[in-house]
């Protein structure tokens, strides 16, 4: 009885593995193989919220570059306080 159950489990695992392999091959054939390489697809210009009135698509930020730097530093300080990092803004002499 135990051997029959083990054989049944082995067949089930083999069936699932074959189904997964077939699915991977199908996805590769339908999507991955058809893909084409494009350079700099994720590059986006980052500027003031109005985009300096240019006709190019840009990612605008309220407060411009300086506002974003302030937000990054404030976020880093909040994480430092949460993780109990002391003297986050103090310069250190090495």
PDB file of N, CA and C in Angstrom:
ATOM      1  N   UNK A   1       0.819  -1.182   0.000  1.00  0.00           N
ATOM      2  CA  UNK A   1       0.000   0.000   0.000  1.00  0.00           C
ATOM      3  C   UNK A   1       0.869   1.255   0.000  1.00  0.00           C
ATOM      4  N   UNK A   2       1.917   1.227   0.791  1.00  0.00           N
ATOM      5  CA  UNK A   2       2.834   2.367   0.874  1.00  0.00           C
ATOM      6  C   UNK A   2       3.536   2.596  -0.466  1.00  0.00           C
ATOM      7  N   UNK A   3       3.942   1.535  -1.136  1.00  0.00           N
ATOM      8  CA  UNK A   3       4.626   1.665  -2.430  1.00  0.00           C
ATOM      9  C   UNK A   3       3.695   2.277  -3.479  1.00  0.00           C
ATOM     10  N   UNK A   4       2.430   1.887  -3.434  1.00  0.00           N
ATOM     11  CA  UNK A   4       1.457   2.424  -4.380  1.00  0.00           C
ATOM     12  C   UNK A   4       1.288   3.932  -4.175  1.00  0.00           C
ATOM     13  N   UNK A   5       1.241   4.369  -2.934  1.00  0.00           N
ATOM     14  CA  UNK A   5       1.104   5.787  -2.633  1.00  0.00           C
ATOM     15  C   UNK A   5       2.343   6.557  -3.093  1.00  0.00           C
ATOM     16  N   UNK A   6       3.527   5.984  -2.868  1.00  0.00           N
ATOM     17  CA  UNK A   6       4.762   6.638  -3.291  1.00  0.00           C
ATOM     18  C   UNK A   6       4.840   6.752  -4.808  1.00  0.00           C
ATOM     19  N   UNK A   7       4.429   5.688  -5.530  1.00  0.00           N
ATOM     20  CA  UNK A   7       4.424   5.731  -6.996  1.00  0.00           C
ATOM     21  C   UNK A   7       3.458   6.785  -7.501  1.00  0.00           C
ATOM     22  N   UNK A   8       2.295   6.880  -6.839  1.00  0.00           N
ATOM     23  CA  UNK A   8       1.291   7.863  -7.230  1.00  0.00           C
ATOM     24  C   UNK A   8       1.820   9.286  -7.007  1.00  0.00           C
ATOM     25  N   UNK A   9       2.490   9.528  -5.873  1.00  0.00           N
ATOM     26  CA  UNK A   9       3.075  10.834  -5.596  1.00  0.00           C
ATOM     27  C   UNK A   9       4.177  11.165  -6.595  1.00  0.00           C
ATOM     28  N   UNK A  10       4.988  10.161  -6.946  1.00  0.00           N
ATOM     29  CA  UNK A  10       6.064  10.376  -7.919  1.00  0.00           C
ATOM     30  C   UNK A  10       5.490  10.741  -9.288  1.00  0.00           C
ATOM     31  N   UNK A  11       4.414  10.046  -9.699  1.00  0.00           N
ATOM     32  CA  UNK A  11       3.771  10.359 -10.985  1.00  0.00           C
ATOM     33  C   UNK A  11       3.188  11.764 -10.966  1.00  0.00           C
ATOM     34  N   UNK A  12       2.577  12.144  -9.837  1.00  0.00           N
ATOM     35  CA  UNK A  12       1.999  13.472  -9.711  1.00  0.00           C
ATOM     36  C   UNK A  12       3.083  14.547  -9.785  1.00  0.00           C
ATOM     37  N   UNK A  13       4.199  14.327  -9.097  1.00  0.00           N
ATOM     38  CA  UNK A  13       5.301  15.282  -9.150  1.00  0.00           C
ATOM     39  C   UNK A  13       5.878  15.381 -10.559  1.00  0.00           C
ATOM     40  N   UNK A  14       6.016  14.243 -11.237  1.00  0.00           N
ATOM     41  CA  UNK A  14       6.530  14.257 -12.603  1.00  0.00           C
ATOM     42  C   UNK A  14       5.570  14.992 -13.535  1.00  0.00           C
ATOM     43  N   UNK A  15       4.266  14.791 -13.338  1.00  0.00           N
ATOM     44  CA  UNK A  15       3.267  15.481 -14.164  1.00  0.00           C
ATOM     45  C   UNK A  15       3.322  16.990 -13.947  1.00  0.00           C
ATOM     46  N   UNK A  16       3.449  17.418 -12.683  1.00  0.00           N
ATOM     47  CA  UNK A  16       3.538  18.849 -12.382  1.00  0.00           C
ATOM     48  C   UNK A  16       4.816  19.448 -12.955  1.00  0.00           C
ATOM     49  N   UNK A  17       5.932  18.729 -12.854  1.00  0.00           N
ATOM     50  CA  UNK A  17       7.198  19.220 -13.396  1.00  0.00           C
ATOM     51  C   UNK A  17       7.118  19.354 -14.917  1.00  0.00           C
ATOM     52  N   UNK A  18       6.484  18.383 -15.571  1.00  0.00           N
ATOM     53  CA  UNK A  18       6.334  18.456 -17.028  1.00  0.00           C
ATOM     54  C   UNK A  18       5.429  19.620 -17.422  1.00  0.00           C
ATOM     55  N   UNK A  19       4.367  19.835 -16.671  1.00  0.00           N
ATOM     56  CA  UNK A  19       3.472  20.962 -16.946  1.00  0.00           C
ATOM     57  C   UNK A  19       4.177  22.301 -16.764  1.00  0.00           C
ATOM     58  N   UNK A  20       4.988  22.414 -15.715  1.00  0.00           N
ATOM     59  CA  UNK A  20       5.746  23.638 -15.470  1.00  0.00           C
ATOM     60  C   UNK A  20       6.768  23.877 -16.572  1.00  0.00           C
ATOM     61  N   UNK A  21       7.432  22.834 -17.006  1.00  0.00           N
ATOM     62  CA  UNK A  21       8.407  22.957 -18.091  1.00  0.00           C
ATOM     63  C   UNK A  21       7.719  23.391 -19.381  1.00  0.00           C
ATOM     64  N   UNK A  22       6.558  22.823 -19.665  1.00  0.00           N
ATOM     65  CA  UNK A  22       5.813  23.202 -20.863  1.00  0.00           C
ATOM     66  C   UNK A  22       5.364  24.658 -20.789  1.00  0.00           C
ATOM     67  N   UNK A  23       4.932  25.094 -19.611  1.00  0.00           N
ATOM     68  CA  UNK A  23       4.515  26.480 -19.440  1.00  0.00           C
ATOM     69  C   UNK A  23       5.687  27.436 -19.650  1.00  0.00           C
ATOM     70  N   UNK A  24       6.852  27.108 -19.097  1.00  0.00           N
ATOM     71  CA  UNK A  24       8.038  27.945 -19.282  1.00  0.00           C
ATOM     72  C   UNK A  24       8.417  28.038 -20.757  1.00  0.00           C
ATOM     73  N   UNK A  25       8.366  26.921 -21.468  1.00  0.00           N
ATOM     74  CA  UNK A  25       8.687  26.921 -22.894  1.00  0.00           C
ATOM     75  C   UNK A  25       7.685  27.751 -23.688  1.00  0.00           C
ATOM     76  N   UNK A  26       6.404  27.656 -23.322  1.00  0.00           N
ATOM     77  CA  UNK A  26       5.374  28.433 -24.005  1.00  0.00           C
ATOM     78  C   UNK A  26       5.578  29.934 -23.773  1.00  0.00           C
ATOM     79  N   UNK A  27       5.855  30.318 -22.523  1.00  0.00           N
ATOM     80  CA  UNK A  27       6.101  31.725 -22.218  1.00  0.00           C
ATOM     81  C   UNK A  27       7.338  32.243 -22.938  1.00  0.00           C
ATOM     82  N   UNK A  28       8.359  31.419 -22.999  1.00  0.00           N
ATOM     83  CA  UNK A  28       9.576  31.816 -23.697  1.00  0.00           C
ATOM     84  C   UNK A  28       9.300  32.024 -25.188  1.00  0.00           C
ATOM     85  N   UNK A  29       8.530  31.123 -25.777  1.00  0.00           N
ATOM     86  CA  UNK A  29       8.236  31.226 -27.212  1.00  0.00           C
ATOM     87  C   UNK A  29       7.321  32.413 -27.517  1.00  0.00           C
ATOM     88  N   UNK A  30       6.335  32.666 -26.660  1.00  0.00           N
ATOM     89  CA  UNK A  30       5.365  33.718 -26.945  1.00  0.00           C
ATOM     90  C   UNK A  30       5.860  35.118 -26.602  1.00  0.00           C
ATOM     91  N   UNK A  31       6.671  35.252 -25.552  1.00  0.00           N
ATOM     92  CA  UNK A  31       7.020  36.583 -25.085  1.00  0.00           C
ATOM     93  C   UNK A  31       8.516  36.878 -25.141  1.00  0.00           C
ATOM     94  N   UNK A  32       9.327  36.033 -24.551  1.00  0.00           N
ATOM     95  CA  UNK A  32      10.747  36.327 -24.419  1.00  0.00           C
ATOM     96  C   UNK A  32      11.450  36.291 -25.773  1.00  0.00           C
ATOM     97  N   UNK A  33      11.183  35.283 -26.575  1.00  0.00           N
ATOM     98  CA  UNK A  33      11.855  35.147 -27.861  1.00  0.00           C
ATOM     99  C   UNK A  33      11.467  36.266 -28.823  1.00  0.00           C
ATOM    100  N   UNK A  34      10.267  36.819 -28.692  1.00  0.00           N
ATOM    101  CA  UNK A  34       9.811  37.883 -29.577  1.00  0.00           C
ATOM    102  C   UNK A  34      10.351  39.246 -29.179  1.00  0.00           C
ATOM    103  N   UNK A  35      10.922  39.347 -27.989  1.00  0.00           N
ATOM    104  CA  UNK A  35      11.387  40.637 -27.489  1.00  0.00           C
ATOM    105  C   UNK A  35      12.552  41.176 -28.290  1.00  0.00           C
ATOM    106  N   UNK A  36      12.684  42.485 -28.273  1.00  0.00           N
ATOM    107  CA  UNK A  36      13.809  43.111 -28.956  1.00  0.00           C
ATOM    108  C   UNK A  36      14.508  44.039 -27.968  1.00  0.00           C
ATOM    109  N   UNK A  37      15.782  44.232 -28.185  1.00  0.00           N
ATOM    110  CA  UNK A  37      16.591  45.040 -27.287  1.00  0.00           C
ATOM    111  C   UNK A  37      16.499  46.502 -27.710  1.00  0.00           C
ATOM    112  N   UNK A  38      16.227  47.361 -26.744  1.00  0.00           N
ATOM    113  CA  UNK A  38      16.180  48.797 -26.990  1.00  0.00           C
ATOM    114  C   UNK A  38      17.078  49.472 -25.963  1.00  0.00           C
ATOM    115  N   UNK A  39      17.875  50.397 -26.436  1.00  0.00           N
ATOM    116  CA  UNK A  39      18.789  51.108 -25.545  1.00  0.00           C
ATOM    117  C   UNK A  39      18.058  52.203 -24.786  1.00  0.00           C
ATOM    118  N   UNK A  40      18.448  52.380 -23.558  1.00  0.00           N
ATOM    119  CA  UNK A  40      18.007  53.457 -22.689  1.00  0.00           C
ATOM    120  C   UNK A  40      16.482  53.582 -22.617  1.00  0.00           C
ATOM    121  N   UNK A  41      15.806  52.491 -22.436  1.00  0.00           N
ATOM    122  CA  UNK A  41      14.349  52.524 -22.385  1.00  0.00           C
ATOM    123  C   UNK A  41      13.851  53.102 -21.058  1.00  0.00           C
ATOM    124  N   UNK A  42      14.666  53.006 -20.017  1.00  0.00           N
ATOM    125  CA  UNK A  42      14.240  53.506 -18.716  1.00  0.00           C
ATOM    126  C   UNK A  42      14.776  54.902 -18.409  1.00  0.00           C
ATOM    127  N   UNK A  43      15.466  55.504 -19.355  1.00  0.00           N
ATOM    128  CA  UNK A  43      16.021  56.832 -19.125  1.00  0.00           C
ATOM    129  C   UNK A  43      14.908  57.863 -19.224  1.00  0.00           C
ATOM    130  N   UNK A  44      14.840  58.716 -18.248  1.00  0.00           N
ATOM    131  CA  UNK A  44      13.825  59.773 -18.226  1.00  0.00           C
ATOM    132  C   UNK A  44      14.459  61.014 -17.640  1.00  0.00           C
ATOM    133  N   UNK A  45      14.208  62.162 -18.231  1.00  0.00           N
ATOM    134  CA  UNK A  45      14.772  63.400 -17.725  1.00  0.00           C
ATOM    135  C   UNK A  45      13.988  63.847 -16.497  1.00  0.00           C
ATOM    136  N   UNK A  46      14.720  64.337 -15.539  1.00  0.00           N
ATOM    137  CA  UNK A  46      14.151  64.758 -14.259  1.00  0.00           C
ATOM    138  C   UNK A  46      14.346  66.259 -14.153  1.00  0.00           C
ATOM    139  N   UNK A  47      13.283  67.003 -13.975  1.00  0.00           N
ATOM    140  CA  UNK A  47      13.422  68.458 -13.947  1.00  0.00           C
ATOM    141  C   UNK A  47      12.370  69.076 -13.048  1.00  0.00           C
ATOM    142  N   UNK A  48      12.294  70.382 -13.119  1.00  0.00           N
ATOM    143  CA  UNK A  48      11.273  71.139 -12.403  1.00  0.00           C
ATOM    144  C   UNK A  48       9.895  70.637 -12.842  1.00  0.00           C
ATOM    145  N   UNK A  49       8.879  70.892 -12.058  1.00  0.00           N
ATOM    146  CA  UNK A  49       7.553  70.324 -12.335  1.00  0.00           C
ATOM    147  C   UNK A  49       6.998  70.756 -13.691  1.00  0.00           C
ATOM    148  N   UNK A  50       7.357  71.941 -14.159  1.00  0.00           N
ATOM    149  CA  UNK A  50       6.844  72.380 -15.456  1.00  0.00           C
ATOM    150  C   UNK A  50       7.711  71.909 -16.617  1.00  0.00           C
ATOM    151  N   UNK A  51       8.802  71.207 -16.338  1.00  0.00           N
ATOM    152  CA  UNK A  51       9.666  70.691 -17.391  1.00  0.00           C
ATOM    153  C   UNK A  51      10.421  71.771 -18.121  1.00  0.00           C
ATOM    154  N   UNK A  52      10.584  72.931 -17.474  1.00  0.00           N
ATOM    155  CA  UNK A  52      11.252  74.077 -18.091  1.00  0.00           C
ATOM    156  C   UNK A  52      10.606  74.424 -19.423  1.00  0.00           C
ATOM    157  N   UNK A  53       9.308  74.146 -19.541  1.00  0.00           N
ATOM    158  CA  UNK A  53       8.500  74.446 -20.720  1.00  0.00           C
ATOM    159  C   UNK A  53       9.055  73.818 -21.991  1.00  0.00           C
ATOM    160  N   UNK A  54       9.664  72.669 -21.865  1.00  0.00           N
ATOM    161  CA  UNK A  54      10.151  71.964 -23.059  1.00  0.00           C
ATOM    162  C   UNK A  54       9.065  71.020 -23.555  1.00  0.00           C
ATOM    163  N   UNK A  55       9.200  70.578 -24.754  1.00  0.00           N
ATOM    164  CA  UNK A  55       8.203  69.687 -25.360  1.00  0.00           C
ATOM    165  C   UNK A  55       8.546  68.214 -25.155  1.00  0.00           C
ATOM    166  N   UNK A  56       9.578  67.941 -24.384  1.00  0.00           N
ATOM    167  CA  UNK A  56       9.994  66.559 -24.149  1.00  0.00           C
ATOM    168  C   UNK A  56       9.272  66.010 -22.928  1.00  0.00           C
ATOM    169  N   UNK A  57       9.021  64.705 -22.910  1.00  0.00           N
ATOM    170  CA  UNK A  57       8.429  64.130 -21.686  1.00  0.00           C
ATOM    171  C   UNK A  57       9.464  64.136 -20.558  1.00  0.00           C
ATOM    172  N   UNK A  58       9.066  64.612 -19.408  1.00  0.00           N
ATOM    173  CA  UNK A  58       9.965  64.693 -18.262  1.00  0.00           C
ATOM    174  C   UNK A  58       9.243  64.200 -17.011  1.00  0.00           C
ATOM    175  N   UNK A  59      10.025  63.878 -16.018  1.00  0.00           N
ATOM    176  CA  UNK A  59       9.474  63.594 -14.696  1.00  0.00           C
ATOM    177  C   UNK A  59       9.649  64.873 -13.905  1.00  0.00           C
ATOM    178  N   UNK A  60       8.565  65.509 -13.551  1.00  0.00           N
ATOM    179  CA  UNK A  60       8.639  66.764 -12.828  1.00  0.00           C
ATOM    180  C   UNK A  60       8.539  66.543 -11.338  1.00  0.00           C
ATOM    181  N   UNK A  61       9.234  67.364 -10.597  1.00  0.00           N
ATOM    182  CA  UNK A  61       9.225  67.256  -9.150  1.00  0.00           C
ATOM    183  C   UNK A  61       8.882  68.603  -8.537  1.00  0.00           C
ATOM    184  N   UNK A  62       7.986  68.604  -7.589  1.00  0.00           N
ATOM    185  CA  UNK A  62       7.645  69.836  -6.888  1.00  0.00           C
ATOM    186  C   UNK A  62       8.872  70.281  -6.100  1.00  0.00           C
ATOM    187  N   UNK A  63       9.280  71.501  -6.323  1.00  0.00           N
ATOM    188  CA  UNK A  63      10.465  72.006  -5.651  1.00  0.00           C
ATOM    189  C   UNK A  63      11.727  71.789  -6.452  1.00  0.00           C
ATOM    190  N   UNK A  64      11.622  71.133  -7.570  1.00  0.00           N
ATOM    191  CA  UNK A  64      12.790  70.921  -8.427  1.00  0.00           C
ATOM    192  C   UNK A  64      13.832  70.045  -7.776  1.00  0.00           C
ATOM    193  N   UNK A  65      15.078  70.262  -8.194  1.00  0.00           N
ATOM    194  CA  UNK A  65      16.178  69.417  -7.730  1.00  0.00           C
ATOM    195  C   UNK A  65      16.436  69.611  -6.244  1.00  0.00           C
ATOM    196  N   UNK A  66      16.418  70.849  -5.803  1.00  0.00           N
ATOM    197  CA  UNK A  66      16.690  71.132  -4.400  1.00  0.00           C
ATOM    198  C   UNK A  66      15.627  70.516  -3.499  1.00  0.00           C
ATOM    199  N   UNK A  67      14.368  70.609  -3.913  1.00  0.00           N
ATOM    200  CA  UNK A  67      13.289  70.007  -3.134  1.00  0.00           C
ATOM    201  C   UNK A  67      13.445  68.505  -3.017  1.00  0.00           C
ATOM    202  N   UNK A  68      13.873  67.858  -4.092  1.00  0.00           N
ATOM    203  CA  UNK A  68      14.072  66.416  -4.047  1.00  0.00           C
ATOM    204  C   UNK A  68      15.240  66.041  -3.144  1.00  0.00           C
ATOM    205  N   UNK A  69      16.303  66.822  -3.179  1.00  0.00           N
ATOM    206  CA  UNK A  69      17.441  66.541  -2.301  1.00  0.00           C
ATOM    207  C   UNK A  69      17.026  66.682  -0.843  1.00  0.00           C
ATOM    208  N   UNK A  70      16.235  67.704  -0.543  1.00  0.00           N
ATOM    209  CA  UNK A  70      15.752  67.890   0.825  1.00  0.00           C
ATOM    210  C   UNK A  70      14.898  66.701   1.252  1.00  0.00           C
ATOM    211  N   UNK A  71      14.030  66.228   0.365  1.00  0.00           N
ATOM    212  CA  UNK A  71      13.197  65.065   0.701  1.00  0.00           C
ATOM    213  C   UNK A  71      14.045  63.821   0.943  1.00  0.00           C
ATOM    214  N   UNK A  72      15.083  63.620   0.143  1.00  0.00           N
ATOM    215  CA  UNK A  72      15.955  62.449   0.312  1.00  0.00           C
ATOM    216  C   UNK A  72      16.691  62.523   1.645  1.00  0.00           C
ATOM    217  N   UNK A  73      17.241  63.685   1.964  1.00  0.00           N
ATOM    218  CA  UNK A  73      17.967  63.822   3.234  1.00  0.00           C
ATOM    219  C   UNK A  73      17.018  63.649   4.413  1.00  0.00           C
ATOM    220  N   UNK A  74      15.816  64.221   4.321  1.00  0.00           N
ATOM    221  CA  UNK A  74      14.844  64.059   5.406  1.00  0.00           C
ATOM    222  C   UNK A  74      14.451  62.591   5.572  1.00  0.00           C
ATOM    223  N   UNK A  75      14.272  61.889   4.475  1.00  0.00           N
ATOM    224  CA  UNK A  75      13.952  60.462   4.557  1.00  0.00           C
ATOM    225  C   UNK A  75      15.089  59.659   5.155  1.00  0.00           C
ATOM    226  N   UNK A  76      16.327  59.990   4.765  1.00  0.00           N
ATOM    227  CA  UNK A  76      17.488  59.288   5.329  1.00  0.00           C
ATOM    228  C   UNK A  76      17.607  59.560   6.821  1.00  0.00           C
ATOM    229  N   UNK A  77      17.325  60.791   7.232  1.00  0.00           N
ATOM    230  CA  UNK A  77      17.388  61.119   8.658  1.00  0.00           C
ATOM    231  C   UNK A  77      16.326  60.359   9.439  1.00  0.00           C
ATOM    232  N   UNK A  78      15.139  60.233   8.851  1.00  0.00           N
ATOM    233  CA  UNK A  78      14.063  59.496   9.526  1.00  0.00           C
ATOM    234  C   UNK A  78      14.435  58.023   9.688  1.00  0.00           C
ATOM    235  N   UNK A  79      15.045  57.446   8.647  1.00  0.00           N
ATOM    236  CA  UNK A  79      15.478  56.046   8.734  1.00  0.00           C
ATOM    237  C   UNK A  79      16.588  55.906   9.763  1.00  0.00           C
ATOM    238  N   UNK A  80      17.503  56.883   9.796  1.00  0.00           N
ATOM    239  CA  UNK A  80      18.597  56.836  10.766  1.00  0.00           C
ATOM    240  C   UNK A  80      18.061  56.906  12.188  1.00  0.00           C
ATOM    241  N   UNK A  81      17.063  57.750  12.434  1.00  0.00           N
ATOM    242  CA  UNK A  81      16.482  57.840  13.771  1.00  0.00           C
ATOM    243  C   UNK A  81      15.744  56.559  14.129  1.00  0.00           C
ATOM    244  N   UNK A  82      15.086  55.981  13.145  1.00  0.00           N
ATOM    245  CA  UNK A  82      14.355  54.738  13.392  1.00  0.00           C
ATOM    246  C   UNK A  82      15.323  53.616  13.746  1.00  0.00           C
ATOM    247  N   UNK A  83      16.481  53.602  13.077  1.00  0.00           N
ATOM    248  CA  UNK A  83      17.477  52.558  13.336  1.00  0.00           C
ATOM    249  C   UNK A  83      18.471  52.955  14.418  1.00  0.00           C
ATOM    250  N   UNK A  84      18.192  54.086  15.086  1.00  0.00           N
ATOM    251  CA  UNK A  84      19.006  54.562  16.205  1.00  0.00           C
ATOM    252  C   UNK A  84      20.461  54.818  15.822  1.00  0.00           C
ATOM    253  N   UNK A  85      20.672  55.459  14.674  1.00  0.00           N
ATOM    254  CA  UNK A  85      22.005  55.878  14.264  1.00  0.00           C
ATOM    255  C   UNK A  85      22.240  57.243  14.884  1.00  0.00           C
ATOM    256  N   UNK A  86      23.277  57.357  15.686  1.00  0.00           N
ATOM    257  CA  UNK A  86      23.551  58.616  16.371  1.00  0.00           C
ATOM    258  C   UNK A  86      24.434  59.508  15.506  1.00  0.00           C
ATOM    259  N   UNK A  87      24.281  60.811  15.693  1.00  0.00           N
ATOM    260  CA  UNK A  87      25.093  61.811  15.009  1.00  0.00           C
ATOM    261  C   UNK A  87      25.053  61.638  13.492  1.00  0.00           C
ATOM    262  N   UNK A  88      23.853  61.533  12.953  1.00  0.00           N
ATOM    263  CA  UNK A  88      23.706  61.299  11.513  1.00  0.00           C
ATOM    264  C   UNK A  88      24.251  62.471  10.705  1.00  0.00           C
ATOM    265  N   UNK A  89      24.022  63.706  11.166  1.00  0.00           N
ATOM    266  CA  UNK A  89      24.453  64.866  10.409  1.00  0.00           C
ATOM    267  C   UNK A  89      25.783  65.448  10.879  1.00  0.00           C
ATOM    268  N   UNK A  90      26.414  64.842  11.870  1.00  0.00           N
ATOM    269  CA  UNK A  90      27.681  65.372  12.373  1.00  0.00           C
ATOM    270  C   UNK A  90      28.842  64.921  11.480  1.00  0.00           C
ATOM    271  N   UNK A  91      29.718  65.875  11.081  1.00  0.00           N
ATOM    272  CA  UNK A  91      30.899  65.462  10.295  1.00  0.00           C
ATOM    273  C   UNK A  91      31.853  64.683  11.188  1.00  0.00           C
ATOM    274  N   UNK A  92      32.529  63.773  10.588  1.00  0.00           N
ATOM    275  CA  UNK A  92      33.444  62.928  11.371  1.00  0.00           C
ATOM    276  C   UNK A  92      34.875  63.136  10.881  1.00  0.00           C
ATOM    277  N   UNK A  93      35.771  63.219  11.772  1.00  0.00           N
ATOM    278  CA  UNK A  93      37.174  63.361  11.444  1.00  0.00           C
ATOM    279  C   UNK A  93      37.797  61.980  11.472  1.00  0.00           C
ATOM    280  N   UNK A  94      38.405  61.635  10.370  1.00  0.00           N
ATOM    281  CA  UNK A  94      38.983  60.294  10.271  1.00  0.00           C
ATOM    282  C   UNK A  94      40.477  60.371  10.468  1.00  0.00           C
TER     283      UNK A  94
END
